[in-house]
Amino acid sequence: MKSLKHELVLQLEKIPGIEHVPCPDRDDGFSVLNFRGKEIGHFHNFNEIDLRLGKQLIRQEGLKHPADSSKHPKRSPNSPFIELRFHHQRDISKVVHLVGLLVSKHLN
């Protein structure tokens, strides 16, 4: 059975300009997500991605920083990054939607 991260990466790579960059020396799921060669996010593990959506898009989508974050517990509410966890298929769809919005923002 494929992991949710694997499924998410396959869906994200369908977006033109998106590239997943594995870190072969890591076995904890950490990897990078680039758009046109520039990092727009990274996976902390197999079920969490940290995306640079920008403050406006984070607010627009009503996203909240997780209070129980182990990677960025003191992150400012005004940070352009947001941690998103994915445990279900609907979570994958949400992440793909958000990356699509981010990419379209960069194209305009």
PDB file of N, CA and C in Angstrom:
ATOM      1  N   MET A   1       0.847  -1.190   0.000  1.00  0.00           N
ATOM      2  CA  MET A   1       0.000   0.000   0.000  1.00  0.00           C
ATOM      3  C   MET A   1       0.891   1.252   0.000  1.00  0.00           C
ATOM      4  N   LYS A   2       0.596   2.180  -0.858  1.00  0.00           N
ATOM      5  CA  LYS A   2       1.355   3.427  -0.974  1.00  0.00           C
ATOM      6  C   LYS A   2       1.035   4.340   0.211  1.00  0.00           C
ATOM      7  N   SER A   3       2.032   5.096   0.637  1.00  0.00           N
ATOM      8  CA  SER A   3       1.829   6.037   1.739  1.00  0.00           C
ATOM      9  C   SER A   3       1.061   7.261   1.237  1.00  0.00           C
ATOM     10  N   LEU A   4       0.454   7.968   2.171  1.00  0.00           N
ATOM     11  CA  LEU A   4      -0.245   9.202   1.802  1.00  0.00           C
ATOM     12  C   LEU A   4       0.735  10.221   1.234  1.00  0.00           C
ATOM     13  N   LYS A   5       1.946  10.269   1.780  1.00  0.00           N
ATOM     14  CA  LYS A   5       2.939  11.202   1.248  1.00  0.00           C
ATOM     15  C   LYS A   5       3.236  10.878  -0.208  1.00  0.00           C
ATOM     16  N   HIS A   6       3.412   9.598  -0.516  1.00  0.00           N
ATOM     17  CA  HIS A   6       3.697   9.198  -1.897  1.00  0.00           C
ATOM     18  C   HIS A   6       2.553   9.637  -2.815  1.00  0.00           C
ATOM     19  N   GLU A   7       1.333   9.405  -2.376  1.00  0.00           N
ATOM     20  CA  GLU A   7       0.167   9.806  -3.173  1.00  0.00           C
ATOM     21  C   GLU A   7       0.112  11.326  -3.339  1.00  0.00           C
ATOM     22  N   LEU A   8       0.399  12.053  -2.261  1.00  0.00           N
ATOM     23  CA  LEU A   8       0.403  13.516  -2.328  1.00  0.00           C
ATOM     24  C   LEU A   8       1.463  14.012  -3.308  1.00  0.00           C
ATOM     25  N   VAL A   9       2.655  13.447  -3.237  1.00  0.00           N
ATOM     26  CA  VAL A   9       3.734  13.855  -4.143  1.00  0.00           C
ATOM     27  C   VAL A   9       3.334  13.609  -5.596  1.00  0.00           C
ATOM     28  N   LEU A  10       2.735  12.461  -5.876  1.00  0.00           N
ATOM     29  CA  LEU A  10       2.299  12.168  -7.250  1.00  0.00           C
ATOM     30  C   LEU A  10       1.310  13.215  -7.746  1.00  0.00           C
ATOM     31  N   GLN A  11       0.384  13.614  -6.879  1.00  0.00           N
ATOM     32  CA  GLN A  11      -0.614  14.623  -7.268  1.00  0.00           C
ATOM     33  C   GLN A  11       0.034  16.001  -7.443  1.00  0.00           C
ATOM     34  N   LEU A  12       0.937  16.348  -6.533  1.00  0.00           N
ATOM     35  CA  LEU A  12       1.590  17.660  -6.619  1.00  0.00           C
ATOM     36  C   LEU A  12       2.449  17.782  -7.867  1.00  0.00           C
ATOM     37  N   GLU A  13       3.116  16.694  -8.245  1.00  0.00           N
ATOM     38  CA  GLU A  13       3.991  16.742  -9.417  1.00  0.00           C
ATOM     39  C   GLU A  13       3.218  16.874 -10.728  1.00  0.00           C
ATOM     40  N   LYS A  14       1.902  16.744 -10.679  1.00  0.00           N
ATOM     41  CA  LYS A  14       1.076  16.994 -11.869  1.00  0.00           C
ATOM     42  C   LYS A  14       0.920  18.496 -12.122  1.00  0.00           C
ATOM     43  N   ILE A  15       1.216  19.299 -11.110  1.00  0.00           N
ATOM     44  CA  ILE A  15       1.132  20.753 -11.249  1.00  0.00           C
ATOM     45  C   ILE A  15       2.395  21.221 -11.969  1.00  0.00           C
ATOM     46  N   PRO A  16       2.257  21.890 -13.126  1.00  0.00           N
ATOM     47  CA  PRO A  16       3.444  22.333 -13.868  1.00  0.00           C
ATOM     48  C   PRO A  16       4.374  23.193 -13.015  1.00  0.00           C
ATOM     49  N   GLY A  17       5.659  22.854 -13.043  1.00  0.00           N
ATOM     50  CA  GLY A  17       6.670  23.599 -12.302  1.00  0.00           C
ATOM     51  C   GLY A  17       6.994  23.036 -10.935  1.00  0.00           C
ATOM     52  N   ILE A  18       6.169  22.107 -10.442  1.00  0.00           N
ATOM     53  CA  ILE A  18       6.393  21.513  -9.118  1.00  0.00           C
ATOM     54  C   ILE A  18       7.350  20.339  -9.237  1.00  0.00           C
ATOM     55  N   GLU A  19       8.312  20.307  -8.330  1.00  0.00           N
ATOM     56  CA  GLU A  19       9.285  19.215  -8.287  1.00  0.00           C
ATOM     57  C   GLU A  19       9.489  18.783  -6.835  1.00  0.00           C
ATOM     58  N   HIS A  20       9.417  17.486  -6.607  1.00  0.00           N
ATOM     59  CA  HIS A  20       9.701  16.915  -5.293  1.00  0.00           C
ATOM     60  C   HIS A  20      11.159  16.488  -5.276  1.00  0.00           C
ATOM     61  N   VAL A  21      11.890  16.902  -4.249  1.00  0.00           N
ATOM     62  CA  VAL A  21      13.316  16.590  -4.143  1.00  0.00           C
ATOM     63  C   VAL A  21      13.550  15.768  -2.874  1.00  0.00           C
ATOM     64  N   PRO A  22      13.692  14.450  -3.030  1.00  0.00           N
ATOM     65  CA  PRO A  22      13.963  13.602  -1.868  1.00  0.00           C
ATOM     66  C   PRO A  22      15.351  13.886  -1.291  1.00  0.00           C
ATOM     67  N   CYS A  23      15.512  13.579  -0.044  1.00  0.00           N
ATOM     68  CA  CYS A  23      16.814  13.691   0.624  1.00  0.00           C
ATOM     69  C   CYS A  23      17.266  12.263   0.922  1.00  0.00           C
ATOM     70  N   PRO A  24      18.080  11.684   0.044  1.00  0.00           N
ATOM     71  CA  PRO A  24      18.409  10.259   0.153  1.00  0.00           C
ATOM     72  C   PRO A  24      19.136   9.876   1.437  1.00  0.00           C
ATOM     73  N   ASP A  25      19.764  10.832   2.100  1.00  0.00           N
ATOM     74  CA  ASP A  25      20.475  10.525   3.339  1.00  0.00           C
ATOM     75  C   ASP A  25      19.564  10.576   4.569  1.00  0.00           C
ATOM     76  N   ARG A  26      18.270  10.827   4.364  1.00  0.00           N
ATOM     77  CA  ARG A  26      17.312  10.899   5.473  1.00  0.00           C
ATOM     78  C   ARG A  26      16.281   9.798   5.316  1.00  0.00           C
ATOM     79  N   ASP A  27      15.882   9.216   6.437  1.00  0.00           N
ATOM     80  CA  ASP A  27      14.858   8.169   6.402  1.00  0.00           C
ATOM     81  C   ASP A  27      13.624   8.547   7.220  1.00  0.00           C
ATOM     82  N   ASP A  28      13.539   9.827   7.603  1.00  0.00           N
ATOM     83  CA  ASP A  28      12.432  10.300   8.427  1.00  0.00           C
ATOM     84  C   ASP A  28      11.314  10.955   7.623  1.00  0.00           C
ATOM     85  N   GLY A  29      11.422  10.910   6.291  1.00  0.00           N
ATOM     86  CA  GLY A  29      10.389  11.497   5.443  1.00  0.00           C
ATOM     87  C   GLY A  29      10.673  12.922   5.015  1.00  0.00           C
ATOM     88  N   PHE A  30      11.761  13.520   5.523  1.00  0.00           N
ATOM     89  CA  PHE A  30      12.075  14.897   5.140  1.00  0.00           C
ATOM     90  C   PHE A  30      12.430  14.953   3.658  1.00  0.00           C
ATOM     91  N   SER A  31      11.841  15.920   2.965  1.00  0.00           N
ATOM     92  CA  SER A  31      12.142  16.172   1.553  1.00  0.00           C
ATOM     93  C   SER A  31      11.657  17.578   1.225  1.00  0.00           C
ATOM     94  N   VAL A  32      12.013  18.046   0.036  1.00  0.00           N
ATOM     95  CA  VAL A  32      11.754  19.439  -0.342  1.00  0.00           C
ATOM     96  C   VAL A  32      10.765  19.496  -1.502  1.00  0.00           C
ATOM     97  N   LEU A  33       9.963  20.537  -1.526  1.00  0.00           N
ATOM     98  CA  LEU A  33       9.035  20.790  -2.618  1.00  0.00           C
ATOM     99  C   LEU A  33       9.428  22.117  -3.260  1.00  0.00           C
ATOM    100  N   ASN A  34       9.751  22.063  -4.539  1.00  0.00           N
ATOM    101  CA  ASN A  34      10.170  23.256  -5.281  1.00  0.00           C
ATOM    102  C   ASN A  34       9.135  23.634  -6.328  1.00  0.00           C
ATOM    103  N   PHE A  35       9.094  24.925  -6.633  1.00  0.00           N
ATOM    104  CA  PHE A  35       8.339  25.427  -7.773  1.00  0.00           C
ATOM    105  C   PHE A  35       9.318  26.219  -8.619  1.00  0.00           C
ATOM    106  N   ARG A  36       9.514  25.772  -9.839  1.00  0.00           N
ATOM    107  CA  ARG A  36      10.472  26.397 -10.759  1.00  0.00           C
ATOM    108  C   ARG A  36      11.854  26.543 -10.119  1.00  0.00           C
ATOM    109  N   GLY A  37      12.273  25.501  -9.424  1.00  0.00           N
ATOM    110  CA  GLY A  37      13.608  25.461  -8.849  1.00  0.00           C
ATOM    111  C   GLY A  37      13.784  26.157  -7.515  1.00  0.00           C
ATOM    112  N   LYS A  38      12.718  26.744  -6.971  1.00  0.00           N
ATOM    113  CA  LYS A  38      12.803  27.452  -5.693  1.00  0.00           C
ATOM    114  C   LYS A  38      11.934  26.739  -4.659  1.00  0.00           C
ATOM    115  N   GLU A  39      12.487  26.582  -3.458  1.00  0.00           N
ATOM    116  CA  GLU A  39      11.732  25.884  -2.417  1.00  0.00           C
ATOM    117  C   GLU A  39      10.482  26.664  -2.025  1.00  0.00           C
ATOM    118  N   ILE A  40       9.348  25.948  -2.030  1.00  0.00           N
ATOM    119  CA  ILE A  40       8.096  26.528  -1.548  1.00  0.00           C
ATOM    120  C   ILE A  40       7.602  25.785  -0.314  1.00  0.00           C
ATOM    121  N   GLY A  41       8.292  24.719   0.031  1.00  0.00           N
ATOM    122  CA  GLY A  41       7.902  23.955   1.207  1.00  0.00           C
ATOM    123  C   GLY A  41       8.786  22.743   1.387  1.00  0.00           C
ATOM    124  N   HIS A  42       8.551  22.058   2.485  1.00  0.00           N
ATOM    125  CA  HIS A  42       9.283  20.826   2.755  1.00  0.00           C
ATOM    126  C   HIS A  42       8.426  19.927   3.640  1.00  0.00           C
ATOM    127  N   PHE A  43       8.628  18.646   3.464  1.00  0.00           N
ATOM    128  CA  PHE A  43       7.961  17.658   4.302  1.00  0.00           C
ATOM    129  C   PHE A  43       8.798  17.479   5.560  1.00  0.00           C
ATOM    130  N   HIS A  44       8.173  17.584   6.720  1.00  0.00           N
ATOM    131  CA  HIS A  44       8.876  17.308   7.976  1.00  0.00           C
ATOM    132  C   HIS A  44       9.015  15.808   8.186  1.00  0.00           C
ATOM    133  N   ASN A  45       8.011  15.080   7.712  1.00  0.00           N
ATOM    134  CA  ASN A  45       7.961  13.632   7.897  1.00  0.00           C
ATOM    135  C   ASN A  45       7.003  13.066   6.852  1.00  0.00           C
ATOM    136  N   PHE A  46       6.438  11.912   7.113  1.00  0.00           N
ATOM    137  CA  PHE A  46       5.565  11.264   6.135  1.00  0.00           C
ATOM    138  C   PHE A  46       4.122  11.763   6.188  1.00  0.00           C
ATOM    139  N   ASN A  47       3.793  12.632   7.162  1.00  0.00           N
ATOM    140  CA  ASN A  47       2.416  13.109   7.299  1.00  0.00           C
ATOM    141  C   ASN A  47       2.298  14.602   7.588  1.00  0.00           C
ATOM    142  N   GLU A  48       3.340  15.365   7.262  1.00  0.00           N
ATOM    143  CA  GLU A  48       3.283  16.800   7.533  1.00  0.00           C
ATOM    144  C   GLU A  48       4.148  17.554   6.531  1.00  0.00           C
ATOM    145  N   ILE A  49       3.572  18.625   5.991  1.00  0.00           N
ATOM    146  CA  ILE A  49       4.299  19.486   5.061  1.00  0.00           C
ATOM    147  C   ILE A  49       4.258  20.916   5.592  1.00  0.00           C
ATOM    148  N   ASP A  50       5.346  21.613   5.421  1.00  0.00           N
ATOM    149  CA  ASP A  50       5.470  23.009   5.828  1.00  0.00           C
ATOM    150  C   ASP A  50       5.537  23.826   4.538  1.00  0.00           C
ATOM    151  N   LEU A  51       4.481  24.577   4.254  1.00  0.00           N
ATOM    152  CA  LEU A  51       4.383  25.316   2.992  1.00  0.00           C
ATOM    153  C   LEU A  51       4.529  26.815   3.200  1.00  0.00           C
ATOM    154  N   ARG A  52       5.233  27.444   2.271  1.00  0.00           N
ATOM    155  CA  ARG A  52       5.347  28.907   2.279  1.00  0.00           C
ATOM    156  C   ARG A  52       4.193  29.459   1.434  1.00  0.00           C
ATOM    157  N   LEU A  53       3.021  29.538   2.054  1.00  0.00           N
ATOM    158  CA  LEU A  53       1.833  30.016   1.342  1.00  0.00           C
ATOM    159  C   LEU A  53       1.745  31.536   1.319  1.00  0.00           C
ATOM    160  N   GLY A  54       2.353  32.177   2.287  1.00  0.00           N
ATOM    161  CA  GLY A  54       2.221  33.624   2.415  1.00  0.00           C
ATOM    162  C   GLY A  54       1.105  33.965   3.389  1.00  0.00           C
ATOM    163  N   LYS A  55       1.281  35.068   4.091  1.00  0.00           N
ATOM    164  CA  LYS A  55       0.316  35.460   5.125  1.00  0.00           C
ATOM    165  C   LYS A  55      -1.087  35.671   4.557  1.00  0.00           C
ATOM    166  N   GLN A  56      -1.164  36.283   3.385  1.00  0.00           N
ATOM    167  CA  GLN A  56      -2.472  36.582   2.799  1.00  0.00           C
ATOM    168  C   GLN A  56      -3.243  35.308   2.474  1.00  0.00           C
ATOM    169  N   LEU A  57      -2.589  34.350   1.846  1.00  0.00           N
ATOM    170  CA  LEU A  57      -3.256  33.100   1.477  1.00  0.00           C
ATOM    171  C   LEU A  57      -3.619  32.284   2.721  1.00  0.00           C
ATOM    172  N   ILE A  58      -2.763  32.307   3.728  1.00  0.00           N
ATOM    173  CA  ILE A  58      -3.063  31.606   4.983  1.00  0.00           C
ATOM    174  C   ILE A  58      -4.332  32.185   5.605  1.00  0.00           C
ATOM    175  N   ARG A  59      -4.418  33.504   5.660  1.00  0.00           N
ATOM    176  CA  ARG A  59      -5.621  34.165   6.203  1.00  0.00           C
ATOM    177  C   ARG A  59      -6.840  33.885   5.335  1.00  0.00           C
ATOM    178  N   GLN A  60      -6.674  34.049   4.027  1.00  0.00           N
ATOM    179  CA  GLN A  60      -7.777  33.851   3.081  1.00  0.00           C
ATOM    180  C   GLN A  60      -8.391  32.460   3.220  1.00  0.00           C
ATOM    181  N   GLU A  61      -7.561  31.459   3.449  1.00  0.00           N
ATOM    182  CA  GLU A  61      -8.037  30.076   3.553  1.00  0.00           C
ATOM    183  C   GLU A  61      -8.415  29.686   4.981  1.00  0.00           C
ATOM    184  N   GLY A  62      -8.266  30.608   5.922  1.00  0.00           N
ATOM    185  CA  GLY A  62      -8.647  30.342   7.308  1.00  0.00           C
ATOM    186  C   GLY A  62      -7.785  29.297   7.998  1.00  0.00           C
ATOM    187  N   LEU A  63      -6.513  29.238   7.622  1.00  0.00           N
ATOM    188  CA  LEU A  63      -5.615  28.230   8.187  1.00  0.00           C
ATOM    189  C   LEU A  63      -5.035  28.714   9.510  1.00  0.00           C
ATOM    190  N   LYS A  64      -4.809  27.775  10.417  1.00  0.00           N
ATOM    191  CA  LYS A  64      -4.242  28.083  11.734  1.00  0.00           C
ATOM    192  C   LYS A  64      -2.988  27.243  11.945  1.00  0.00           C
ATOM    193  N   HIS A  65      -1.993  27.856  12.553  1.00  0.00           N
ATOM    194  CA  HIS A  65      -0.773  27.136  12.894  1.00  0.00           C
ATOM    195  C   HIS A  65      -1.100  26.119  13.989  1.00  0.00           C
ATOM    196  N   PRO A  66      -0.620  24.881  13.863  1.00  0.00           N
ATOM    197  CA  PRO A  66      -0.927  23.877  14.888  1.00  0.00           C
ATOM    198  C   PRO A  66      -0.309  24.251  16.242  1.00  0.00           C
ATOM    199  N   ALA A  67      -1.130  24.225  17.269  1.00  0.00           N
ATOM    200  CA  ALA A  67      -0.669  24.584  18.611  1.00  0.00           C
ATOM    201  C   ALA A  67       0.317  23.560  19.164  1.00  0.00           C
ATOM    202  N   ASP A  68       0.235  22.333  18.682  1.00  0.00           N
ATOM    203  CA  ASP A  68       1.097  21.265  19.195  1.00  0.00           C
ATOM    204  C   ASP A  68       2.269  20.955  18.260  1.00  0.00           C
ATOM    205  N   SER A  69       2.710  21.931  17.505  1.00  0.00           N
ATOM    206  CA  SER A  69       3.815  21.728  16.568  1.00  0.00           C
ATOM    207  C   SER A  69       5.087  21.331  17.306  1.00  0.00           C
ATOM    208  N   SER A  70       5.716  20.266  16.829  1.00  0.00           N
ATOM    209  CA  SER A  70       6.994  19.859  17.423  1.00  0.00           C
ATOM    210  C   SER A  70       8.173  20.461  16.660  1.00  0.00           C
ATOM    211  N   LYS A  71       7.965  20.845  15.412  1.00  0.00           N
ATOM    212  CA  LYS A  71       9.046  21.396  14.587  1.00  0.00           C
ATOM    213  C   LYS A  71       9.184  22.912  14.728  1.00  0.00           C
ATOM    214  N   HIS A  72       8.058  23.601  14.853  1.00  0.00           N
ATOM    215  CA  HIS A  72       8.078  25.068  14.947  1.00  0.00           C
ATOM    216  C   HIS A  72       7.117  25.538  16.045  1.00  0.00           C
ATOM    217  N   PRO A  73       7.384  25.162  17.303  1.00  0.00           N
ATOM    218  CA  PRO A  73       6.431  25.497  18.378  1.00  0.00           C
ATOM    219  C   PRO A  73       6.298  26.995  18.658  1.00  0.00           C
ATOM    220  N   LYS A  74       7.290  27.794  18.280  1.00  0.00           N
ATOM    221  CA  LYS A  74       7.244  29.233  18.565  1.00  0.00           C
ATOM    222  C   LYS A  74       7.054  30.069  17.303  1.00  0.00           C
ATOM    223  N   ARG A  75       6.531  29.445  16.266  1.00  0.00           N
ATOM    224  CA  ARG A  75       6.331  30.165  15.007  1.00  0.00           C
ATOM    225  C   ARG A  75       5.334  31.301  15.195  1.00  0.00           C
ATOM    226  N   SER A  76       5.659  32.424  14.628  1.00  0.00           N
ATOM    227  CA  SER A  76       4.795  33.599  14.713  1.00  0.00           C
ATOM    228  C   SER A  76       3.500  33.362  13.938  1.00  0.00           C
ATOM    229  N   PRO A  77       2.384  33.865  14.464  1.00  0.00           N
ATOM    230  CA  PRO A  77       1.128  33.765  13.710  1.00  0.00           C
ATOM    231  C   PRO A  77       1.197  34.535  12.390  1.00  0.00           C
ATOM    232  N   ASN A  78       2.184  35.416  12.248  1.00  0.00           N
ATOM    233  CA  ASN A  78       2.355  36.190  11.017  1.00  0.00           C
ATOM    234  C   ASN A  78       3.348  35.560  10.052  1.00  0.00           C
ATOM    235  N   SER A  79       3.777  34.352  10.334  1.00  0.00           N
ATOM    236  CA  SER A  79       4.735  33.671   9.463  1.00  0.00           C
ATOM    237  C   SER A  79       4.108  33.369   8.103  1.00  0.00           C
ATOM    238  N   PRO A  80       4.889  33.446   7.031  1.00  0.00           N
ATOM    239  CA  PRO A  80       4.378  33.071   5.710  1.00  0.00           C
ATOM    240  C   PRO A  80       4.311  31.553   5.521  1.00  0.00           C
ATOM    241  N   PHE A  81       4.846  30.801   6.488  1.00  0.00           N
ATOM    242  CA  PHE A  81       4.808  29.338   6.431  1.00  0.00           C
ATOM    243  C   PHE A  81       3.654  28.801   7.262  1.00  0.00           C
ATOM    244  N   ILE A  82       3.105  27.668   6.832  1.00  0.00           N
ATOM    245  CA  ILE A  82       2.049  26.984   7.572  1.00  0.00           C
ATOM    246  C   ILE A  82       2.316  25.485   7.531  1.00  0.00           C
ATOM    247  N   GLU A  83       2.212  24.847   8.682  1.00  0.00           N
ATOM    248  CA  GLU A  83       2.347  23.394   8.756  1.00  0.00           C
ATOM    249  C   GLU A  83       0.982  22.775   8.485  1.00  0.00           C
ATOM    250  N   LEU A  84       0.963  21.820   7.583  1.00  0.00           N
ATOM    251  CA  LEU A  84      -0.271  21.117   7.250  1.00  0.00           C
ATOM    252  C   LEU A  84      -0.048  19.623   7.443  1.00  0.00           C
ATOM    253  N   ARG A  85      -0.925  19.001   8.196  1.00  0.00           N
ATOM    254  CA  ARG A  85      -0.842  17.557   8.421  1.00  0.00           C
ATOM    255  C   ARG A  85      -1.832  16.866   7.506  1.00  0.00           C
ATOM    256  N   PHE A  86      -1.461  15.697   7.056  1.00  0.00           N
ATOM    257  CA  PHE A  86      -2.355  14.930   6.190  1.00  0.00           C
ATOM    258  C   PHE A  86      -2.411  13.488   6.672  1.00  0.00           C
ATOM    259  N   HIS A  87      -3.633  13.087   7.024  1.00  0.00           N
ATOM    260  CA  HIS A  87      -3.872  11.733   7.530  1.00  0.00           C
ATOM    261  C   HIS A  87      -4.970  11.022   6.748  1.00  0.00           C
ATOM    262  N   HIS A  88      -5.668  11.752   5.888  1.00  0.00           N
ATOM    263  CA  HIS A  88      -6.792  11.205   5.122  1.00  0.00           C
ATOM    264  C   HIS A  88      -6.732  11.725   3.687  1.00  0.00           C
ATOM    265  N   GLN A  89      -7.481  11.096   2.819  1.00  0.00           N
ATOM    266  CA  GLN A  89      -7.529  11.496   1.415  1.00  0.00           C
ATOM    267  C   GLN A  89      -7.969  12.950   1.266  1.00  0.00           C
ATOM    268  N   ARG A  90      -8.925  13.376   2.063  1.00  0.00           N
ATOM    269  CA  ARG A  90      -9.409  14.767   1.969  1.00  0.00           C
ATOM    270  C   ARG A  90      -8.299  15.759   2.319  1.00  0.00           C
ATOM    271  N   ASP A  91      -7.388  15.347   3.203  1.00  0.00           N
ATOM    272  CA  ASP A  91      -6.261  16.217   3.551  1.00  0.00           C
ATOM    273  C   ASP A  91      -5.338  16.399   2.353  1.00  0.00           C
ATOM    274  N   ILE A  92      -5.137  15.334   1.594  1.00  0.00           N
ATOM    275  CA  ILE A  92      -4.303  15.403   0.388  1.00  0.00           C
ATOM    276  C   ILE A  92      -4.921  16.368  -0.609  1.00  0.00           C
ATOM    277  N   SER A  93      -6.222  16.258  -0.805  1.00  0.00           N
ATOM    278  CA  SER A  93      -6.919  17.155  -1.734  1.00  0.00           C
ATOM    279  C   SER A  93      -6.762  18.610  -1.308  1.00  0.00           C
ATOM    280  N   LYS A  94      -6.814  18.869  -0.010  1.00  0.00           N
ATOM    281  CA  LYS A  94      -6.672  20.235   0.507  1.00  0.00           C
ATOM    282  C   LYS A  94      -5.267  20.774   0.228  1.00  0.00           C
ATOM    283  N   VAL A  95      -4.239  19.948   0.467  1.00  0.00           N
ATOM    284  CA  VAL A  95      -2.860  20.390   0.221  1.00  0.00           C
ATOM    285  C   VAL A  95      -2.655  20.673  -1.266  1.00  0.00           C
ATOM    286  N   VAL A  96      -3.157  19.797  -2.123  1.00  0.00           N
ATOM    287  CA  VAL A  96      -3.028  20.000  -3.574  1.00  0.00           C
ATOM    288  C   VAL A  96      -3.729  21.299  -3.974  1.00  0.00           C
ATOM    289  N   HIS A  97      -4.900  21.535  -3.432  1.00  0.00           N
ATOM    290  CA  HIS A  97      -5.640  22.778  -3.706  1.00  0.00           C
ATOM    291  C   HIS A  97      -4.812  24.001  -3.298  1.00  0.00           C
ATOM    292  N   LEU A  98      -4.230  23.957  -2.107  1.00  0.00           N
ATOM    293  CA  LEU A  98      -3.446  25.093  -1.610  1.00  0.00           C
ATOM    294  C   LEU A  98      -2.199  25.334  -2.447  1.00  0.00           C
ATOM    295  N   VAL A  99      -1.516  24.269  -2.836  1.00  0.00           N
ATOM    296  CA  VAL A  99      -0.330  24.430  -3.690  1.00  0.00           C
ATOM    297  C   VAL A  99      -0.753  24.994  -5.043  1.00  0.00           C
ATOM    298  N   GLY A 100      -1.898  24.563  -5.557  1.00  0.00           N
ATOM    299  CA  GLY A 100      -2.416  25.117  -6.808  1.00  0.00           C
ATOM    300  C   GLY A 100      -2.675  26.612  -6.697  1.00  0.00           C
ATOM    301  N   LEU A 101      -3.248  27.047  -5.571  1.00  0.00           N
ATOM    302  CA  LEU A 101      -3.476  28.480  -5.350  1.00  0.00           C
ATOM    303  C   LEU A 101      -2.157  29.236  -5.279  1.00  0.00           C
ATOM    304  N   LEU A 102      -1.186  28.654  -4.594  1.00  0.00           N
ATOM    305  CA  LEU A 102       0.127  29.285  -4.472  1.00  0.00           C
ATOM    306  C   LEU A 102       0.791  29.443  -5.832  1.00  0.00           C
ATOM    307  N   VAL A 103       0.749  28.399  -6.625  1.00  0.00           N
ATOM    308  CA  VAL A 103       1.361  28.437  -7.961  1.00  0.00           C
ATOM    309  C   VAL A 103       0.659  29.463  -8.838  1.00  0.00           C
ATOM    310  N   SER A 104      -0.674  29.487  -8.804  1.00  0.00           N
ATOM    311  CA  SER A 104      -1.399  30.448  -9.647  1.00  0.00           C
ATOM    312  C   SER A 104      -1.091  31.880  -9.216  1.00  0.00           C
ATOM    313  N   LYS A 105      -0.843  32.087  -7.930  1.00  0.00           N
ATOM    314  CA  LYS A 105      -0.462  33.414  -7.435  1.00  0.00           C
ATOM    315  C   LYS A 105       0.891  33.830  -8.021  1.00  0.00           C
ATOM    316  N   HIS A 106       1.818  32.878  -8.123  1.00  0.00           N
ATOM    317  CA  HIS A 106       3.143  33.171  -8.686  1.00  0.00           C
ATOM    318  C   HIS A 106       3.079  33.389 -10.196  1.00  0.00           C
ATOM    319  N   LEU A 107       2.079  32.832 -10.851  1.00  0.00           N
ATOM    320  CA  LEU A 107       1.967  32.962 -12.304  1.00  0.00           C
ATOM    321  C   LEU A 107       1.314  34.273 -12.711  1.00  0.00           C
ATOM    322  N   ASN A 108       0.580  34.879 -11.797  1.00  0.00           N
ATOM    323  CA  ASN A 108      -0.120  36.143 -12.114  1.00  0.00           C
ATOM    324  C   ASN A 108       0.736  37.345 -11.829  1.00  0.00           C
TER     325      ASN A 108
END
